[in-house]
Structures are given as structure tokens and as C-alpha cells.
């Protein structure tokens, strides 16, 4: 009997799911500073992604070894658009710490 919504443990290493877990790299001043200090890469990930899924996705897509994953949920800001109030989307960020000697080049430059 198949389930409509698999548990996180069941969908953990499904390659189709892993290719969708990482939405985009975050390139900002803070992300760059954190990356230089502690060999960390920051990604925007799906809202329901788990730490083991994020680790497996980075290792699968980029071929690097991951030491640890930290995750934060950032609430979307409430903004005004003329007379009406709107809300930006909520974002889930993943800080991926790479093992010593591992590097991930997101800038597109040849290493």
C-alpha cells in the first residue's frame, strides 16, 4: 500500500526530491562573511526540507562532504503596496558546513 505523503525518513534519499530540496544559493554580504570564516555555504531550501535531506542533496549535487547542517526559518516581512498590506514569502535557510579540505565554488569562476 503506497502513501500519498511519505514521511521524511521515507523520502530522504529519493533523487527526484533531493534535486528539488535546494532552491537557490544565498549570495549576500553576511553569507559571504560566514563562508569565509567557517567554510560554510548558505542555501535557500524548501520549507519542509529536513537536515538529512539537505546534507544528502548537497553531497549528491556538488560531490562534496558535509560536516553539519544548521537551519533557520525566516518569517516574511509585512510590506505596504499602496493602500494594501502584503506579506513577503517565508524563507528557510540552510547553513551547510563543509569538511576540511572541501570547497564549493558558486561564483562560476574556474577553480
PDB file of N, CA and C in Angstrom:
ATOM      1  N   UNK A   1       0.843  -1.170   0.000  1.00  0.00           N
ATOM      2  CA  UNK A   1       0.000   0.000   0.000  1.00  0.00           C
ATOM      3  C   UNK A   1       0.896   1.243   0.000  1.00  0.00           C
ATOM      4  N   UNK A   2       0.727   2.126  -0.960  1.00  0.00           N
ATOM      5  CA  UNK A   2       1.571   3.316  -1.037  1.00  0.00           C
ATOM      6  C   UNK A   2       0.904   4.476  -0.314  1.00  0.00           C
ATOM      7  N   UNK A   3       1.735   5.337   0.227  1.00  0.00           N
ATOM      8  CA  UNK A   3       1.251   6.508   0.935  1.00  0.00           C
ATOM      9  C   UNK A   3       1.257   7.710   0.015  1.00  0.00           C
ATOM     10  N   UNK A   4       0.323   8.601   0.228  1.00  0.00           N
ATOM     11  CA  UNK A   4       0.295   9.828  -0.561  1.00  0.00           C
ATOM     12  C   UNK A   4       1.409  10.762  -0.102  1.00  0.00           C
ATOM     13  N   UNK A   5       1.539  10.968   1.199  1.00  0.00           N
ATOM     14  CA  UNK A   5       2.584  11.813   1.755  1.00  0.00           C
ATOM     15  C   UNK A   5       3.575  10.952   2.540  1.00  0.00           C
ATOM     16  N   UNK A   6       4.739  10.649   1.955  1.00  0.00           N
ATOM     17  CA  UNK A   6       5.703   9.829   2.681  1.00  0.00           C
ATOM     18  C   UNK A   6       6.307  10.612   3.846  1.00  0.00           C
ATOM     19  N   UNK A   7       6.745   9.879   4.849  1.00  0.00           N
ATOM     20  CA  UNK A   7       7.405  10.513   5.985  1.00  0.00           C
ATOM     21  C   UNK A   7       8.777  11.002   5.553  1.00  0.00           C
ATOM     22  N   UNK A   8       9.391  11.913   6.319  1.00  0.00           N
ATOM     23  CA  UNK A   8      10.729  12.393   5.951  1.00  0.00           C
ATOM     24  C   UNK A   8      11.758  11.269   5.823  1.00  0.00           C
ATOM     25  N   UNK A   9      11.648  10.229   6.646  1.00  0.00           N
ATOM     26  CA  UNK A   9      12.604   9.124   6.555  1.00  0.00           C
ATOM     27  C   UNK A   9      12.446   8.355   5.248  1.00  0.00           C
ATOM     28  N   UNK A  10      11.210   8.258   4.752  1.00  0.00           N
ATOM     29  CA  UNK A  10      10.968   7.521   3.513  1.00  0.00           C
ATOM     30  C   UNK A  10      11.409   8.300   2.281  1.00  0.00           C
ATOM     31  N   UNK A  11      11.293   9.639   2.305  1.00  0.00           N
ATOM     32  CA  UNK A  11      11.656  10.423   1.139  1.00  0.00           C
ATOM     33  C   UNK A  11      13.076  10.950   1.201  1.00  0.00           C
ATOM     34  N   UNK A  12      13.831  10.524   2.218  1.00  0.00           N
ATOM     35  CA  UNK A  12      15.145  11.084   2.494  1.00  0.00           C
ATOM     36  C   UNK A  12      16.102  10.982   1.311  1.00  0.00           C
ATOM     37  N   UNK A  13      16.178   9.846   0.655  1.00  0.00           N
ATOM     38  CA  UNK A  13      17.170   9.672  -0.396  1.00  0.00           C
ATOM     39  C   UNK A  13      16.539   9.455  -1.770  1.00  0.00           C
ATOM     40  N   UNK A  14      15.345   9.956  -1.988  1.00  0.00           N
ATOM     41  CA  UNK A  14      14.726   9.933  -3.301  1.00  0.00           C
ATOM     42  C   UNK A  14      15.398  11.006  -4.157  1.00  0.00           C
ATOM     43  N   UNK A  15      16.066  10.594  -5.244  1.00  0.00           N
ATOM     44  CA  UNK A  15      16.873  11.541  -6.016  1.00  0.00           C
ATOM     45  C   UNK A  15      16.047  12.649  -6.644  1.00  0.00           C
ATOM     46  N   UNK A  16      14.809  12.366  -7.017  1.00  0.00           N
ATOM     47  CA  UNK A  16      13.950  13.414  -7.547  1.00  0.00           C
ATOM     48  C   UNK A  16      13.663  14.485  -6.513  1.00  0.00           C
ATOM     49  N   UNK A  17      13.420  14.056  -5.292  1.00  0.00           N
ATOM     50  CA  UNK A  17      13.179  15.003  -4.194  1.00  0.00           C
ATOM     51  C   UNK A  17      14.462  15.773  -3.864  1.00  0.00           C
ATOM     52  N   UNK A  18      15.602  15.081  -3.817  1.00  0.00           N
ATOM     53  CA  UNK A  18      16.859  15.734  -3.457  1.00  0.00           C
ATOM     54  C   UNK A  18      17.252  16.806  -4.465  1.00  0.00           C
ATOM     55  N   UNK A  19      16.895  16.611  -5.731  1.00  0.00           N
ATOM     56  CA  UNK A  19      17.238  17.618  -6.729  1.00  0.00           C
ATOM     57  C   UNK A  19      16.386  18.874  -6.575  1.00  0.00           C
ATOM     58  N   UNK A  20      15.269  18.791  -5.836  1.00  0.00           N
ATOM     59  CA  UNK A  20      14.408  19.945  -5.629  1.00  0.00           C
ATOM     60  C   UNK A  20      14.592  20.610  -4.274  1.00  0.00           C
ATOM     61  N   UNK A  21      15.285  19.954  -3.344  1.00  0.00           N
ATOM     62  CA  UNK A  21      15.423  20.469  -1.975  1.00  0.00           C
ATOM     63  C   UNK A  21      16.145  21.814  -1.959  1.00  0.00           C
ATOM     64  N   UNK A  22      17.233  21.944  -2.698  1.00  0.00           N
ATOM     65  CA  UNK A  22      17.984  23.193  -2.740  1.00  0.00           C
ATOM     66  C   UNK A  22      17.337  24.115  -3.766  1.00  0.00           C
ATOM     67  N   UNK A  23      16.785  25.228  -3.314  1.00  0.00           N
ATOM     68  CA  UNK A  23      16.104  26.154  -4.208  1.00  0.00           C
ATOM     69  C   UNK A  23      17.118  27.073  -4.886  1.00  0.00           C
ATOM     70  N   UNK A  24      17.996  27.712  -4.085  1.00  0.00           N
ATOM     71  CA  UNK A  24      18.974  28.648  -4.642  1.00  0.00           C
ATOM     72  C   UNK A  24      20.062  28.906  -3.619  1.00  0.00           C
ATOM     73  N   UNK A  25      21.275  29.221  -4.081  1.00  0.00           N
ATOM     74  CA  UNK A  25      22.304  29.662  -3.131  1.00  0.00           C
ATOM     75  C   UNK A  25      22.004  31.095  -2.702  1.00  0.00           C
ATOM     76  N   UNK A  26      22.357  31.429  -1.479  1.00  0.00           N
ATOM     77  CA  UNK A  26      22.179  32.789  -0.989  1.00  0.00           C
ATOM     78  C   UNK A  26      23.523  33.489  -1.082  1.00  0.00           C
ATOM     79  N   UNK A  27      23.569  34.534  -1.900  1.00  0.00           N
ATOM     80  CA  UNK A  27      24.799  35.299  -2.081  1.00  0.00           C
ATOM     81  C   UNK A  27      24.539  36.693  -1.514  1.00  0.00           C
ATOM     82  N   UNK A  28      25.028  36.941  -0.310  1.00  0.00           N
ATOM     83  CA  UNK A  28      24.878  38.234   0.342  1.00  0.00           C
ATOM     84  C   UNK A  28      26.151  38.513   1.119  1.00  0.00           C
ATOM     85  N   UNK A  29      26.238  39.691   1.686  1.00  0.00           N
ATOM     86  CA  UNK A  29      27.428  40.028   2.464  1.00  0.00           C
ATOM     87  C   UNK A  29      27.565  39.114   3.669  1.00  0.00           C
ATOM     88  N   UNK A  30      26.466  38.864   4.362  1.00  0.00           N
ATOM     89  CA  UNK A  30      26.511  38.000   5.543  1.00  0.00           C
ATOM     90  C   UNK A  30      26.889  36.571   5.161  1.00  0.00           C
ATOM     91  N   UNK A  31      26.288  36.046   4.108  1.00  0.00           N
ATOM     92  CA  UNK A  31      26.586  34.679   3.686  1.00  0.00           C
ATOM     93  C   UNK A  31      28.044  34.545   3.257  1.00  0.00           C
ATOM     94  N   UNK A  32      28.582  35.566   2.588  1.00  0.00           N
ATOM     95  CA  UNK A  32      29.982  35.535   2.167  1.00  0.00           C
ATOM     96  C   UNK A  32      30.915  35.586   3.366  1.00  0.00           C
ATOM     97  N   UNK A  33      30.597  36.452   4.340  1.00  0.00           N
ATOM     98  CA  UNK A  33      31.428  36.570   5.540  1.00  0.00           C
ATOM     99  C   UNK A  33      31.430  35.260   6.333  1.00  0.00           C
ATOM    100  N   UNK A  34      30.261  34.656   6.501  1.00  0.00           N
ATOM    101  CA  UNK A  34      30.164  33.382   7.224  1.00  0.00           C
ATOM    102  C   UNK A  34      30.916  32.294   6.471  1.00  0.00           C
ATOM    103  N   UNK A  35      30.814  32.297   5.148  1.00  0.00           N
ATOM    104  CA  UNK A  35      31.501  31.301   4.335  1.00  0.00           C
ATOM    105  C   UNK A  35      33.011  31.388   4.433  1.00  0.00           C
ATOM    106  N   UNK A  36      33.532  32.599   4.473  1.00  0.00           N
ATOM    107  CA  UNK A  36      34.981  32.774   4.573  1.00  0.00           C
ATOM    108  C   UNK A  36      35.502  32.371   5.942  1.00  0.00           C
ATOM    109  N   UNK A  37      34.730  32.635   6.992  1.00  0.00           N
ATOM    110  CA  UNK A  37      35.183  32.354   8.352  1.00  0.00           C
ATOM    111  C   UNK A  37      35.136  30.875   8.703  1.00  0.00           C
ATOM    112  N   UNK A  38      34.107  30.171   8.233  1.00  0.00           N
ATOM    113  CA  UNK A  38      33.934  28.801   8.732  1.00  0.00           C
ATOM    114  C   UNK A  38      33.659  27.766   7.649  1.00  0.00           C
ATOM    115  N   UNK A  39      34.061  28.029   6.403  1.00  0.00           N
ATOM    116  CA  UNK A  39      33.879  27.073   5.307  1.00  0.00           C
ATOM    117  C   UNK A  39      32.415  26.628   5.194  1.00  0.00           C
ATOM    118  N   UNK A  40      31.526  27.621   5.168  1.00  0.00           N
ATOM    119  CA  UNK A  40      30.091  27.379   5.158  1.00  0.00           C
ATOM    120  C   UNK A  40      29.475  27.930   3.882  1.00  0.00           C
ATOM    121  N   UNK A  41      28.486  27.220   3.352  1.00  0.00           N
ATOM    122  CA  UNK A  41      27.731  27.666   2.185  1.00  0.00           C
ATOM    123  C   UNK A  41      26.276  27.802   2.615  1.00  0.00           C
ATOM    124  N   UNK A  42      25.615  28.873   2.163  1.00  0.00           N
ATOM    125  CA  UNK A  42      24.238  29.144   2.559  1.00  0.00           C
ATOM    126  C   UNK A  42      23.308  28.912   1.376  1.00  0.00           C
ATOM    127  N   UNK A  43      22.204  28.190   1.623  1.00  0.00           N
ATOM    128  CA  UNK A  43      21.228  27.886   0.586  1.00  0.00           C
ATOM    129  C   UNK A  43      19.833  28.257   1.051  1.00  0.00           C
ATOM    130  N   UNK A  44      18.984  28.636   0.106  1.00  0.00           N
ATOM    131  CA  UNK A  44      17.550  28.738   0.334  1.00  0.00           C
ATOM    132  C   UNK A  44      17.004  27.357   0.002  1.00  0.00           C
ATOM    133  N   UNK A  45      16.241  26.766   0.924  1.00  0.00           N
ATOM    134  CA  UNK A  45      15.755  25.393   0.729  1.00  0.00           C
ATOM    135  C   UNK A  45      14.233  25.366   0.853  1.00  0.00           C
ATOM    136  N   UNK A  46      13.644  24.225   0.504  1.00  0.00           N
ATOM    137  CA  UNK A  46      12.204  24.045   0.636  1.00  0.00           C
ATOM    138  C   UNK A  46      11.788  24.177   2.096  1.00  0.00           C
ATOM    139  N   UNK A  47      10.559  24.630   2.322  1.00  0.00           N
ATOM    140  CA  UNK A  47      10.093  24.880   3.688  1.00  0.00           C
ATOM    141  C   UNK A  47       9.969  23.595   4.508  1.00  0.00           C
ATOM    142  N   UNK A  48       9.768  22.439   3.841  1.00  0.00           N
ATOM    143  CA  UNK A  48       9.606  21.184   4.574  1.00  0.00           C
ATOM    144  C   UNK A  48      10.848  20.297   4.497  1.00  0.00           C
ATOM    145  N   UNK A  49      11.977  20.854   4.069  1.00  0.00           N
ATOM    146  CA  UNK A  49      13.215  20.065   3.951  1.00  0.00           C
ATOM    147  C   UNK A  49      13.798  19.794   5.333  1.00  0.00           C
ATOM    148  N   UNK A  50      14.332  18.593   5.512  1.00  0.00           N
ATOM    149  CA  UNK A  50      14.953  18.219   6.779  1.00  0.00           C
ATOM    150  C   UNK A  50      16.471  18.306   6.641  1.00  0.00           C
ATOM    151  N   UNK A  51      17.165  18.305   7.781  1.00  0.00           N
ATOM    152  CA  UNK A  51      18.631  18.391   7.760  1.00  0.00           C
ATOM    153  C   UNK A  51      19.274  17.212   7.014  1.00  0.00           C
ATOM    154  N   UNK A  52      18.827  15.962   7.241  1.00  0.00           N
ATOM    155  CA  UNK A  52      19.427  14.858   6.476  1.00  0.00           C
ATOM    156  C   UNK A  52      19.195  14.983   4.968  1.00  0.00           C
ATOM    157  N   UNK A  53      18.027  15.493   4.573  1.00  0.00           N
ATOM    158  CA  UNK A  53      17.759  15.697   3.145  1.00  0.00           C
ATOM    159  C   UNK A  53      18.692  16.752   2.559  1.00  0.00           C
ATOM    160  N   UNK A  54      18.885  17.845   3.279  1.00  0.00           N
ATOM    161  CA  UNK A  54      19.752  18.918   2.794  1.00  0.00           C
ATOM    162  C   UNK A  54      21.180  18.409   2.654  1.00  0.00           C
ATOM    163  N   UNK A  55      21.647  17.665   3.649  1.00  0.00           N
ATOM    164  CA  UNK A  55      23.005  17.106   3.601  1.00  0.00           C
ATOM    165  C   UNK A  55      23.161  16.177   2.401  1.00  0.00           C
ATOM    166  N   UNK A  56      22.192  15.287   2.199  1.00  0.00           N
ATOM    167  CA  UNK A  56      22.257  14.345   1.083  1.00  0.00           C
ATOM    168  C   UNK A  56      22.187  15.071  -0.257  1.00  0.00           C
ATOM    169  N   UNK A  57      21.388  16.130  -0.345  1.00  0.00           N
ATOM    170  CA  UNK A  57      21.255  16.876  -1.597  1.00  0.00           C
ATOM    171  C   UNK A  57      22.555  17.581  -1.958  1.00  0.00           C
ATOM    172  N   UNK A  58      23.208  18.209  -0.996  1.00  0.00           N
ATOM    173  CA  UNK A  58      24.472  18.904  -1.267  1.00  0.00           C
ATOM    174  C   UNK A  58      25.548  17.902  -1.676  1.00  0.00           C
ATOM    175  N   UNK A  59      25.608  16.776  -0.966  1.00  0.00           N
ATOM    176  CA  UNK A  59      26.608  15.760  -1.305  1.00  0.00           C
ATOM    177  C   UNK A  59      26.350  15.166  -2.683  1.00  0.00           C
ATOM    178  N   UNK A  60      25.086  14.969  -3.047  1.00  0.00           N
ATOM    179  CA  UNK A  60      24.741  14.391  -4.346  1.00  0.00           C
ATOM    180  C   UNK A  60      24.993  15.377  -5.483  1.00  0.00           C
ATOM    181  N   UNK A  61      24.527  16.614  -5.338  1.00  0.00           N
ATOM    182  CA  UNK A  61      24.597  17.574  -6.431  1.00  0.00           C
ATOM    183  C   UNK A  61      25.987  18.172  -6.643  1.00  0.00           C
ATOM    184  N   UNK A  62      26.745  18.364  -5.565  1.00  0.00           N
ATOM    185  CA  UNK A  62      28.036  19.047  -5.688  1.00  0.00           C
ATOM    186  C   UNK A  62      29.241  18.132  -5.462  1.00  0.00           C
ATOM    187  N   UNK A  63      29.032  16.925  -4.984  1.00  0.00           N
ATOM    188  CA  UNK A  63      30.130  15.983  -4.797  1.00  0.00           C
ATOM    189  C   UNK A  63      31.113  16.395  -3.715  1.00  0.00           C
ATOM    190  N   UNK A  64      30.621  17.006  -2.633  1.00  0.00           N
ATOM    191  CA  UNK A  64      31.475  17.393  -1.512  1.00  0.00           C
ATOM    192  C   UNK A  64      30.990  16.673  -0.257  1.00  0.00           C
ATOM    193  N   UNK A  65      31.823  16.659   0.776  1.00  0.00           N
ATOM    194  CA  UNK A  65      31.446  16.035   2.038  1.00  0.00           C
ATOM    195  C   UNK A  65      30.982  17.103   3.010  1.00  0.00           C
ATOM    196  N   UNK A  66      29.836  16.867   3.640  1.00  0.00           N
ATOM    197  CA  UNK A  66      29.236  17.829   4.556  1.00  0.00           C
ATOM    198  C   UNK A  66      29.497  17.401   5.984  1.00  0.00           C
ATOM    199  N   UNK A  67      29.918  18.373   6.806  1.00  0.00           N
ATOM    200  CA  UNK A  67      30.165  18.096   8.223  1.00  0.00           C
ATOM    201  C   UNK A  67      28.890  18.280   9.040  1.00  0.00           C
ATOM    202  N   UNK A  68      28.177  19.402   8.819  1.00  0.00           N
ATOM    203  CA  UNK A  68      26.973  19.685   9.592  1.00  0.00           C
ATOM    204  C   UNK A  68      26.048  20.600   8.805  1.00  0.00           C
ATOM    205  N   UNK A  69      24.779  20.618   9.217  1.00  0.00           N
ATOM    206  CA  UNK A  69      23.776  21.486   8.604  1.00  0.00           C
ATOM    207  C   UNK A  69      23.011  22.199   9.716  1.00  0.00           C
ATOM    208  N   UNK A  70      22.908  23.520   9.608  1.00  0.00           N
ATOM    209  CA  UNK A  70      22.073  24.318  10.515  1.00  0.00           C
ATOM    210  C   UNK A  70      20.972  24.949   9.682  1.00  0.00           C
ATOM    211  N   UNK A  71      19.778  25.044  10.266  1.00  0.00           N
ATOM    212  CA  UNK A  71      18.630  25.534   9.519  1.00  0.00           C
ATOM    213  C   UNK A  71      17.956  26.651  10.304  1.00  0.00           C
ATOM    214  N   UNK A  72      17.529  27.706   9.593  1.00  0.00           N
ATOM    215  CA  UNK A  72      16.753  28.775  10.213  1.00  0.00           C
ATOM    216  C   UNK A  72      15.511  29.049   9.362  1.00  0.00           C
ATOM    217  N   UNK A  73      14.433  29.400  10.038  1.00  0.00           N
ATOM    218  CA  UNK A  73      13.207  29.809   9.360  1.00  0.00           C
ATOM    219  C   UNK A  73      13.084  31.318   9.495  1.00  0.00           C
ATOM    220  N   UNK A  74      13.012  32.013   8.368  1.00  0.00           N
ATOM    221  CA  UNK A  74      12.908  33.466   8.369  1.00  0.00           C
ATOM    222  C   UNK A  74      11.487  33.835   7.973  1.00  0.00           C
ATOM    223  N   UNK A  75      10.802  34.564   8.846  1.00  0.00           N
ATOM    224  CA  UNK A  75       9.433  34.995   8.572  1.00  0.00           C
ATOM    225  C   UNK A  75       9.443  36.081   7.507  1.00  0.00           C
ATOM    226  N   UNK A  76       8.472  36.050   6.619  1.00  0.00           N
ATOM    227  CA  UNK A  76       8.357  37.073   5.584  1.00  0.00           C
ATOM    228  C   UNK A  76       7.926  38.406   6.178  1.00  0.00           C
ATOM    229  N   UNK A  77       8.482  39.482   5.660  1.00  0.00           N
ATOM    230  CA  UNK A  77       8.150  40.813   6.160  1.00  0.00           C
ATOM    231  C   UNK A  77       6.774  41.238   5.658  1.00  0.00           C
ATOM    232  N   UNK A  78       6.065  41.994   6.499  1.00  0.00           N
ATOM    233  CA  UNK A  78       4.816  42.609   6.081  1.00  0.00           C
ATOM    234  C   UNK A  78       5.164  43.945   5.434  1.00  0.00           C
ATOM    235  N   UNK A  79       4.695  44.158   4.218  1.00  0.00           N
ATOM    236  CA  UNK A  79       5.010  45.369   3.463  1.00  0.00           C
ATOM    237  C   UNK A  79       3.726  46.016   2.969  1.00  0.00           C
ATOM    238  N   UNK A  80       3.809  47.306   2.717  1.00  0.00           N
ATOM    239  CA  UNK A  80       2.679  48.021   2.129  1.00  0.00           C
ATOM    240  C   UNK A  80       2.875  48.154   0.641  1.00  0.00           C
ATOM    241  N   UNK A  81       1.807  47.922  -0.093  1.00  0.00           N
ATOM    242  CA  UNK A  81       1.796  48.140  -1.526  1.00  0.00           C
ATOM    243  C   UNK A  81       0.663  49.128  -1.793  1.00  0.00           C
ATOM    244  N   UNK A  82       0.980  50.429  -1.744  1.00  0.00           N
ATOM    245  CA  UNK A  82      -0.060  51.441  -1.850  1.00  0.00           C
ATOM    246  C   UNK A  82      -0.899  51.426  -0.590  1.00  0.00           C
ATOM    247  N   UNK A  83      -2.203  51.208  -0.754  1.00  0.00           N
ATOM    248  CA  UNK A  83      -3.101  51.177   0.410  1.00  0.00           C
ATOM    249  C   UNK A  83      -3.197  49.810   1.058  1.00  0.00           C
ATOM    250  N   UNK A  84      -2.818  48.791   0.330  1.00  0.00           N
ATOM    251  CA  UNK A  84      -2.989  47.426   0.841  1.00  0.00           C
ATOM    252  C   UNK A  84      -1.714  46.921   1.494  1.00  0.00           C
ATOM    253  N   UNK A  85      -1.888  46.009   2.426  1.00  0.00           N
ATOM    254  CA  UNK A  85      -0.757  45.373   3.076  1.00  0.00           C
ATOM    255  C   UNK A  85      -0.550  43.996   2.461  1.00  0.00           C
ATOM    256  N   UNK A  86       0.692  43.653   2.254  1.00  0.00           N
ATOM    257  CA  UNK A  86       1.034  42.342   1.723  1.00  0.00           C
ATOM    258  C   UNK A  86       2.110  41.719   2.573  1.00  0.00           C
ATOM    259  N   UNK A  87       2.464  40.501   2.245  1.00  0.00           N
ATOM    260  CA  UNK A  87       3.493  39.795   3.008  1.00  0.00           C
ATOM    261  C   UNK A  87       4.430  39.107   2.044  1.00  0.00           C
ATOM    262  N   UNK A  88       5.724  39.266   2.297  1.00  0.00           N
ATOM    263  CA  UNK A  88       6.710  38.526   1.518  1.00  0.00           C
ATOM    264  C   UNK A  88       6.674  37.062   1.951  1.00  0.00           C
ATOM    265  N   UNK A  89       7.200  36.206   1.116  1.00  0.00           N
ATOM    266  CA  UNK A  89       7.174  34.769   1.405  1.00  0.00           C
ATOM    267  C   UNK A  89       8.118  34.429   2.556  1.00  0.00           C
ATOM    268  N   UNK A  90       7.736  33.423   3.345  1.00  0.00           N
ATOM    269  CA  UNK A  90       8.621  32.894   4.374  1.00  0.00           C
ATOM    270  C   UNK A  90       9.750  32.134   3.680  1.00  0.00           C
ATOM    271  N   UNK A  91      10.939  32.138   4.287  1.00  0.00           N
ATOM    272  CA  UNK A  91      12.108  31.505   3.690  1.00  0.00           C
ATOM    273  C   UNK A  91      12.754  30.586   4.718  1.00  0.00           C
ATOM    274  N   UNK A  92      13.244  29.462   4.269  1.00  0.00           N
ATOM    275  CA  UNK A  92      14.022  28.551   5.121  1.00  0.00           C
ATOM    276  C   UNK A  92      15.441  28.553   4.590  1.00  0.00           C
ATOM    277  N   UNK A  93      16.406  28.890   5.457  1.00  0.00           N
ATOM    278  CA  UNK A  93      17.811  28.945   5.065  1.00  0.00           C
ATOM    279  C   UNK A  93      18.559  27.766   5.671  1.00  0.00           C
ATOM    280  N   UNK A  94      19.499  27.246   4.919  1.00  0.00           N
ATOM    281  CA  UNK A  94      20.352  26.164   5.418  1.00  0.00           C
ATOM    282  C   UNK A  94      21.800  26.616   5.346  1.00  0.00           C
ATOM    283  N   UNK A  95      22.485  26.563   6.480  1.00  0.00           N
ATOM    284  CA  UNK A  95      23.913  26.835   6.543  1.00  0.00           C
ATOM    285  C   UNK A  95      24.620  25.485   6.545  1.00  0.00           C
ATOM    286  N   UNK A  96      25.322  25.183   5.462  1.00  0.00           N
ATOM    287  CA  UNK A  96      25.960  23.883   5.277  1.00  0.00           C
ATOM    288  C   UNK A  96      27.455  24.038   5.542  1.00  0.00           C
ATOM    289  N   UNK A  97      27.947  23.376   6.584  1.00  0.00           N
ATOM    290  CA  UNK A  97      29.370  23.423   6.928  1.00  0.00           C
ATOM    291  C   UNK A  97      30.058  22.256   6.238  1.00  0.00           C
ATOM    292  N   UNK A  98      31.064  22.581   5.421  1.00  0.00           N
ATOM    293  CA  UNK A  98      31.794  21.554   4.681  1.00  0.00           C
ATOM    294  C   UNK A  98      32.964  21.046   5.512  1.00  0.00           C
ATOM    295  N   UNK A  99      33.370  19.805   5.262  1.00  0.00           N
ATOM    296  CA  UNK A  99      34.513  19.231   5.964  1.00  0.00           C
ATOM    297  C   UNK A  99      35.795  19.911   5.502  1.00  0.00           C
ATOM    298  N   UNK A 100      36.844  19.768   6.302  1.00  0.00           N
ATOM    299  CA  UNK A 100      38.152  20.365   5.979  1.00  0.00           C
ATOM    300  C   UNK A 100      38.637  19.890   4.619  1.00  0.00           C
ATOM    301  N   UNK A 101      39.155  20.812   3.839  1.00  0.00           N
ATOM    302  CA  UNK A 101      39.682  20.474   2.529  1.00  0.00           C
ATOM    303  C   UNK A 101      38.640  20.474   1.425  1.00  0.00           C
ATOM    304  N   UNK A 102      37.370  20.566   1.782  1.00  0.00           N
ATOM    305  CA  UNK A 102      36.296  20.594   0.792  1.00  0.00           C
ATOM    306  C   UNK A 102      35.994  22.046   0.428  1.00  0.00           C
ATOM    307  N   UNK A 103      35.662  22.283  -0.831  1.00  0.00           N
ATOM    308  CA  UNK A 103      35.322  23.635  -1.273  1.00  0.00           C
ATOM    309  C   UNK A 103      34.185  23.555  -2.270  1.00  0.00           C
ATOM    310  N   UNK A 104      33.350  24.580  -2.253  1.00  0.00           N
ATOM    311  CA  UNK A 104      32.206  24.654  -3.156  1.00  0.00           C
ATOM    312  C   UNK A 104      32.225  26.037  -3.783  1.00  0.00           C
ATOM    313  N   UNK A 105      32.393  26.089  -5.103  1.00  0.00           N
ATOM    314  CA  UNK A 105      32.514  27.362  -5.816  1.00  0.00           C
ATOM    315  C   UNK A 105      31.185  27.675  -6.492  1.00  0.00           C
ATOM    316  N   UNK A 106      30.460  28.663  -5.962  1.00  0.00           N
ATOM    317  CA  UNK A 106      29.178  29.041  -6.531  1.00  0.00           C
ATOM    318  C   UNK A 106      29.276  30.263  -7.423  1.00  0.00           C
ATOM    319  N   UNK A 107      30.445  30.881  -7.501  1.00  0.00           N
ATOM    320  CA  UNK A 107      30.583  32.121  -8.261  1.00  0.00           C
ATOM    321  C   UNK A 107      30.701  31.893  -9.761  1.00  0.00           C
ATOM    322  N   UNK A 108      30.905  30.663 -10.181  1.00  0.00           N
ATOM    323  CA  UNK A 108      31.012  30.367 -11.608  1.00  0.00           C
ATOM    324  C   UNK A 108      32.421  30.500 -12.160  1.00  0.00           C
ATOM    325  N   UNK A 109      33.367  30.878 -11.325  1.00  0.00           N
ATOM    326  CA  UNK A 109      34.748  31.006 -11.775  1.00  0.00           C
ATOM    327  C   UNK A 109      35.417  29.627 -11.771  1.00  0.00           C
ATOM    328  N   UNK A 110      36.372  29.458 -12.654  1.00  0.00           N
ATOM    329  CA  UNK A 110      37.107  28.198 -12.686  1.00  0.00           C
ATOM    330  C   UNK A 110      38.027  28.114 -11.485  1.00  0.00           C
ATOM    331  N   UNK A 111      38.032  26.971 -10.812  1.00  0.00           N
ATOM    332  CA  UNK A 111      38.867  26.815  -9.616  1.00  0.00           C
ATOM    333  C   UNK A 111      40.259  26.357  -9.982  1.00  0.00           C
TER     334      UNK A 111
END
